[in-house]
C-alpha atoms as a PDB file:
ATOM      1  CA  UNK A   1       5.917  19.467 104.208  1.00  0.00           C
ATOM      2  CA  UNK A   2       6.708  22.843 102.040  1.00  0.00           C
ATOM      3  CA  UNK A   3       9.100  25.253 102.649  1.00  0.00           C
ATOM      4  CA  UNK A   4       9.056  26.227 106.464  1.00  0.00           C
ATOM      5  CA  UNK A   5       8.538  30.109 106.337  1.00  0.00           C
ATOM      6  CA  UNK A   6       9.242  30.941 109.729  1.00  0.00           C
ATOM      7  CA  UNK A   7      12.319  31.772 111.604  1.00  0.00           C
ATOM      8  CA  UNK A   8      14.134  28.909 113.666  1.00  0.00           C
ATOM      9  CA  UNK A   9      16.600  28.184 115.872  1.00  0.00           C
ATOM     10  CA  UNK A  10      19.625  25.866 115.273  1.00  0.00           C
ATOM     11  CA  UNK A  11      19.338  22.842 116.641  1.00  0.00           C
ATOM     12  CA  UNK A  12      23.534  22.285 116.912  1.00  0.00           C
ATOM     13  CA  UNK A  13      23.893  25.721 118.483  1.00  0.00           C
ATOM     14  CA  UNK A  14      20.485  27.439 119.286  1.00  0.00           C
ATOM     15  CA  UNK A  15      21.473  30.662 117.293  1.00  0.00           C
ATOM     16  CA  UNK A  16      18.934  32.128 115.108  1.00  0.00           C
ATOM     17  CA  UNK A  17      19.027  30.242 111.141  1.00  0.00           C
ATOM     18  CA  UNK A  18      19.022  32.821 108.037  1.00  0.00           C
ATOM     19  CA  UNK A  19      16.483  32.254 105.247  1.00  0.00           C
ATOM     20  CA  UNK A  20      19.014  31.911 102.341  1.00  0.00           C
ATOM     21  CA  UNK A  21      16.784  32.020  99.113  1.00  0.00           C
ATOM     22  CA  UNK A  22      18.338  29.672  96.630  1.00  0.00           C
ATOM     23  CA  UNK A  23      17.369  30.788  92.837  1.00  0.00           C
ATOM     24  CA  UNK A  24      17.795  27.792  91.073  1.00  0.00           C
ATOM     25  CA  UNK A  25      15.511  25.459  93.686  1.00  0.00           C
ATOM     26  CA  UNK A  26      13.468  28.525  94.474  1.00  0.00           C
ATOM     27  CA  UNK A  27      13.185  27.792  97.897  1.00  0.00           C
ATOM     28  CA  UNK A  28      14.424  29.235 101.290  1.00  0.00           C
ATOM     29  CA  UNK A  29      17.548  27.182 102.775  1.00  0.00           C
ATOM     30  CA  UNK A  30      18.244  28.096 106.815  1.00  0.00           C
ATOM     31  CA  UNK A  31      21.469  28.184 107.533  1.00  0.00           C
ATOM     32  CA  UNK A  32      23.637  28.973 110.754  1.00  0.00           C
ATOM     33  CA  UNK A  33      25.709  32.000 109.438  1.00  0.00           C
ATOM     34  CA  UNK A  34      26.296  33.388 113.149  1.00  0.00           C
ATOM     35  CA  UNK A  35      26.785  30.522 114.839  1.00  0.00           C
ATOM     36  CA  UNK A  36      28.252  26.886 114.384  1.00  0.00           C
ATOM     37  CA  UNK A  37      27.219  27.200 109.741  1.00  0.00           C
ATOM     38  CA  UNK A  38      25.221  24.484 109.936  1.00  0.00           C
ATOM     39  CA  UNK A  39      22.236  23.902 107.379  1.00  0.00           C
ATOM     40  CA  UNK A  40      18.988  22.855 108.102  1.00  0.00           C
ATOM     41  CA  UNK A  41      16.662  21.490 105.016  1.00  0.00           C
ATOM     42  CA  UNK A  42      13.412  21.050 104.958  1.00  0.00           C
ATOM     43  CA  UNK A  43      11.850  17.512 104.286  1.00  0.00           C
ATOM     44  CA  UNK A  44      12.834  16.895 100.595  1.00  0.00           C
ATOM     45  CA  UNK A  45      14.882  19.782  99.894  1.00  0.00           C
ATOM     46  CA  UNK A  46      18.652  18.214 100.841  1.00  0.00           C
ATOM     47  CA  UNK A  47      17.829  15.998  97.497  1.00  0.00           C
ATOM     48  CA  UNK A  48      17.902  19.525  95.559  1.00  0.00           C
ATOM     49  CA  UNK A  49      21.359  20.046  96.579  1.00  0.00           C
ATOM     50  CA  UNK A  50      23.080  16.669  96.998  1.00  0.00           C
ATOM     51  CA  UNK A  51      24.652  16.152  93.553  1.00  0.00           C
ATOM     52  CA  UNK A  52      27.283  17.916  92.193  1.00  0.00           C
ATOM     53  CA  UNK A  53      25.133  19.053  89.229  1.00  0.00           C
ATOM     54  CA  UNK A  54      22.954  21.237  91.330  1.00  0.00           C
ATOM     55  CA  UNK A  55      23.990  24.605  92.136  1.00  0.00           C
ATOM     56  CA  UNK A  56      24.780  25.640  95.743  1.00  0.00           C
ATOM     57  CA  UNK A  57      26.444  29.487  95.330  1.00  0.00           C
ATOM     58  CA  UNK A  58      24.202  31.240  97.761  1.00  0.00           C
ATOM     59  CA  UNK A  59      24.950  28.497 100.221  1.00  0.00           C
ATOM     60  CA  UNK A  60      28.343  28.832  99.509  1.00  0.00           C
ATOM     61  CA  UNK A  61      28.230  32.592  99.829  1.00  0.00           C
ATOM     62  CA  UNK A  62      26.539  32.752 102.865  1.00  0.00           C
ATOM     63  CA  UNK A  63      28.965  31.025 104.630  1.00  0.00           C
ATOM     64  CA  UNK A  64      32.309  32.293 102.821  1.00  0.00           C
ATOM     65  CA  UNK A  65      34.973  33.886 104.903  1.00  0.00           C
ATOM     66  CA  UNK A  66      33.379  32.946 108.153  1.00  0.00           C
ATOM     67  CA  UNK A  67      34.807  31.831 111.488  1.00  0.00           C
ATOM     68  CA  UNK A  68      31.957  29.220 113.137  1.00  0.00           C
ATOM     69  CA  UNK A  69      31.810  27.640 116.497  1.00  0.00           C
ATOM     70  CA  UNK A  70      32.719  24.194 116.799  1.00  0.00           C
ATOM     71  CA  UNK A  71      29.630  21.967 118.307  1.00  0.00           C
ATOM     72  CA  UNK A  72      29.734  18.417 119.699  1.00  0.00           C
ATOM     73  CA  UNK A  73      28.185  16.590 116.499  1.00  0.00           C
ATOM     74  CA  UNK A  74      28.048  13.751 118.542  1.00  0.00           C
ATOM     75  CA  UNK A  75      25.326  15.151 120.326  1.00  0.00           C
ATOM     76  CA  UNK A  76      21.146  14.477 120.006  1.00  0.00           C
ATOM     77  CA  UNK A  77      19.795  17.486 118.014  1.00  0.00           C
ATOM     78  CA  UNK A  78      16.207  18.609 118.210  1.00  0.00           C
ATOM     79  CA  UNK A  79      14.071  19.324 115.354  1.00  0.00           C
ATOM     80  CA  UNK A  80      13.404  22.828 115.336  1.00  0.00           C
ATOM     81  CA  UNK A  81      10.308  22.104 113.614  1.00  0.00           C
ATOM     82  CA  UNK A  82       8.639  19.305 115.442  1.00  0.00           C
ATOM     83  CA  UNK A  83      10.343  19.587 118.980  1.00  0.00           C
ATOM     84  CA  UNK A  84      11.744  16.123 118.834  1.00  0.00           C
ATOM     85  CA  UNK A  85      14.840  14.404 119.059  1.00  0.00           C
ATOM     86  CA  UNK A  86      16.645  13.840 115.194  1.00  0.00           C
ATOM     87  CA  UNK A  87      18.231  10.655 114.512  1.00  0.00           C
ATOM     88  CA  UNK A  88      21.677  10.022 112.746  1.00  0.00           C
ATOM     89  CA  UNK A  89      21.632   8.367 109.430  1.00  0.00           C
ATOM     90  CA  UNK A  90      24.729   8.117 106.820  1.00  0.00           C
ATOM     91  CA  UNK A  91      24.243  10.328 103.724  1.00  0.00           C
ATOM     92  CA  UNK A  92      26.017   9.371 100.475  1.00  0.00           C
ATOM     93  CA  UNK A  93      29.529   7.172  99.983  1.00  0.00           C
ATOM     94  CA  UNK A  94      31.348   9.761 101.794  1.00  0.00           C
ATOM     95  CA  UNK A  95      30.297   8.191 105.068  1.00  0.00           C
ATOM     96  CA  UNK A  96      28.788  11.456 106.663  1.00  0.00           C
ATOM     97  CA  UNK A  97      25.980  11.043 108.999  1.00  0.00           C
ATOM     98  CA  UNK A  98      23.540  13.499 109.107  1.00  0.00           C
ATOM     99  CA  UNK A  99      20.552  14.336 111.661  1.00  0.00           C
ATOM    100  CA  UNK A 100      17.233  13.486 110.146  1.00  0.00           C
ATOM    101  CA  UNK A 101      13.690  14.038 112.127  1.00  0.00           C
ATOM    102  CA  UNK A 102      11.224  10.900 111.201  1.00  0.00           C
ATOM    103  CA  UNK A 103       8.534  13.277 112.002  1.00  0.00           C
ATOM    104  CA  UNK A 104       8.907  16.024 109.461  1.00  0.00           C
ATOM    105  CA  UNK A 105      11.584  14.636 107.303  1.00  0.00           C
ATOM    106  CA  UNK A 106      13.743  17.922 107.771  1.00  0.00           C
ATOM    107  CA  UNK A 107      17.630  17.271 107.569  1.00  0.00           C
ATOM    108  CA  UNK A 108      20.062  19.301 109.500  1.00  0.00           C
ATOM    109  CA  UNK A 109      24.050  18.892 107.905  1.00  0.00           C
ATOM    110  CA  UNK A 110      26.520  20.241 110.289  1.00  0.00           C
ATOM    111  CA  UNK A 111      29.523  22.889 109.001  1.00  0.00           C
ATOM    112  CA  UNK A 112      30.906  21.710 105.481  1.00  0.00           C
ATOM    113  CA  UNK A 113      28.853  18.390 105.552  1.00  0.00           C
ATOM    114  CA  UNK A 114      26.773  19.019 102.536  1.00  0.00           C
ATOM    115  CA  UNK A 115      30.118  19.668 100.506  1.00  0.00           C
ATOM    116  CA  UNK A 116      31.455  16.136 101.923  1.00  0.00           C
ATOM    117  CA  UNK A 117      27.921  14.464 100.395  1.00  0.00           C
ATOM    118  CA  UNK A 118      28.745  16.349  97.191  1.00  0.00           C
ATOM    119  CA  UNK A 119      32.311  15.319  97.062  1.00  0.00           C
ATOM    120  CA  UNK A 120      31.448  11.632  96.559  1.00  0.00           C
ATOM    121  CA  UNK A 121      34.554  10.321  98.142  1.00  0.00           C
ATOM    122  CA  UNK A 122      34.049   6.718  98.798  1.00  0.00           C
ATOM    123  CA  UNK A 123      35.166   5.582 101.953  1.00  0.00           C
ATOM    124  CA  UNK A 124      37.844   2.708 102.703  1.00  0.00           C
ATOM    125  CA  UNK A 125      35.869  -0.352 103.064  1.00  0.00           C
ATOM    126  CA  UNK A 126      39.074  -2.468 104.191  1.00  0.00           C
ATOM    127  CA  UNK A 127      38.407  -2.548 107.742  1.00  0.00           C
ATOM    128  CA  UNK A 128      34.516  -2.849 107.339  1.00  0.00           C
ATOM    129  CA  UNK A 129      35.383  -6.613 105.338  1.00  0.00           C
ATOM    130  CA  UNK A 130      37.899  -7.154 108.310  1.00  0.00           C
ATOM    131  CA  UNK A 131      35.036  -7.310 110.577  1.00  0.00           C
ATOM    132  CA  UNK A 132      32.619  -8.546 108.291  1.00  0.00           C
ATOM    133  CA  UNK A 133      34.856 -11.829 107.665  1.00  0.00           C
ATOM    134  CA  UNK A 134      35.341 -12.144 111.986  1.00  0.00           C
ATOM    135  CA  UNK A 135      31.692 -11.864 112.344  1.00  0.00           C
ATOM    136  CA  UNK A 136      30.869 -14.035 109.617  1.00  0.00           C
ATOM    137  CA  UNK A 137      33.061 -16.418 110.609  1.00  0.00           C
ATOM    138  CA  UNK A 138      31.942 -16.703 114.438  1.00  0.00           C
ATOM    139  CA  UNK A 139      28.166 -16.669 112.795  1.00  0.00           C
ATOM    140  CA  UNK A 140      29.313 -19.645 111.312  1.00  0.00           C
ATOM    141  CA  UNK A 141      30.713 -21.378 114.321  1.00  0.00           C
ATOM    142  CA  UNK A 142      28.054 -20.553 116.043  1.00  0.00           C
ATOM    143  CA  UNK A 143      25.596 -22.274 113.459  1.00  0.00           C
ATOM    144  CA  UNK A 144      27.445 -24.989 111.836  1.00  0.00           C
ATOM    145  CA  UNK A 145      29.549 -26.154 114.838  1.00  0.00           C
ATOM    146  CA  UNK A 146      32.493 -28.791 113.517  1.00  0.00           C
ATOM    147  CA  UNK A 147      31.631 -28.185 110.236  1.00  0.00           C
ATOM    148  CA  UNK A 148      32.262 -24.408 109.896  1.00  0.00           C
ATOM    149  CA  UNK A 149      36.011 -25.227 109.116  1.00  0.00           C
ATOM    150  CA  UNK A 150      34.798 -26.562 105.681  1.00  0.00           C
ATOM    151  CA  UNK A 151      35.531 -23.734 102.850  1.00  0.00           C
ATOM    152  CA  UNK A 152      32.150 -22.236 102.335  1.00  0.00           C
ATOM    153  CA  UNK A 153      31.069 -21.588  98.908  1.00  0.00           C
ATOM    154  CA  UNK A 154      29.462 -18.090  98.206  1.00  0.00           C
ATOM    155  CA  UNK A 155      25.661 -18.004  99.043  1.00  0.00           C
ATOM    156  CA  UNK A 156      23.099 -15.470  99.106  1.00  0.00           C
ATOM    157  CA  UNK A 157      23.268 -15.813 102.894  1.00  0.00           C
ATOM    158  CA  UNK A 158      26.704 -14.748 103.055  1.00  0.00           C
ATOM    159  CA  UNK A 159      26.162 -11.940 100.227  1.00  0.00           C
ATOM    160  CA  UNK A 160      23.229 -10.375 102.713  1.00  0.00           C
ATOM    161  CA  UNK A 161      25.231 -10.925 105.679  1.00  0.00           C
ATOM    162  CA  UNK A 162      28.413  -9.474 104.172  1.00  0.00           C
ATOM    163  CA  UNK A 163      26.179  -6.466 102.382  1.00  0.00           C
ATOM    164  CA  UNK A 164      24.422  -5.698 105.473  1.00  0.00           C
ATOM    165  CA  UNK A 165      27.717  -5.734 107.742  1.00  0.00           C
ATOM    166  CA  UNK A 166      29.640  -3.286 105.455  1.00  0.00           C
ATOM    167  CA  UNK A 167      26.408  -0.866 104.942  1.00  0.00           C
ATOM    168  CA  UNK A 168      26.252  -0.339 108.784  1.00  0.00           C
ATOM    169  CA  UNK A 169      29.528   0.068 109.088  1.00  0.00           C
ATOM    170  CA  UNK A 170      30.151   2.622 106.314  1.00  0.00           C
ATOM    171  CA  UNK A 171      27.245   4.446 108.043  1.00  0.00           C
END
């Protein structure tokens, strides 16, 4: 999808979003400057702003010194392009959950989520590994019965299970 030229309403608060031109990427970004401060990226636009070396000066200037209304981030958002529910998806290593449209690929970020994604701060996996251990041990008990108490050597199955559980819990 190309840059959406139409005026759209914010998926989080319903306010009209303002188009902010980014001179480096040469595209318009939809920002809720009068409501919640959310940012709507058309398909693949977020990829031009999620790394620290990419300029977001125009975006930051458009929200600078503004107070934004709070929104319930757990609410299901409706894509203003496709008019379908967006889904929550983990973004980056920061543990931020963004809203994604599975039809057009658009992404909506609540206020300050772009900065969190760009910060690159890693989430603490201590709890994720504790949950993994408990789930893995329970799974072993179910599969192996009495043999589950024997020390298990590292295996591809264990690594796969660990990766799956930890990536799910981080999101």
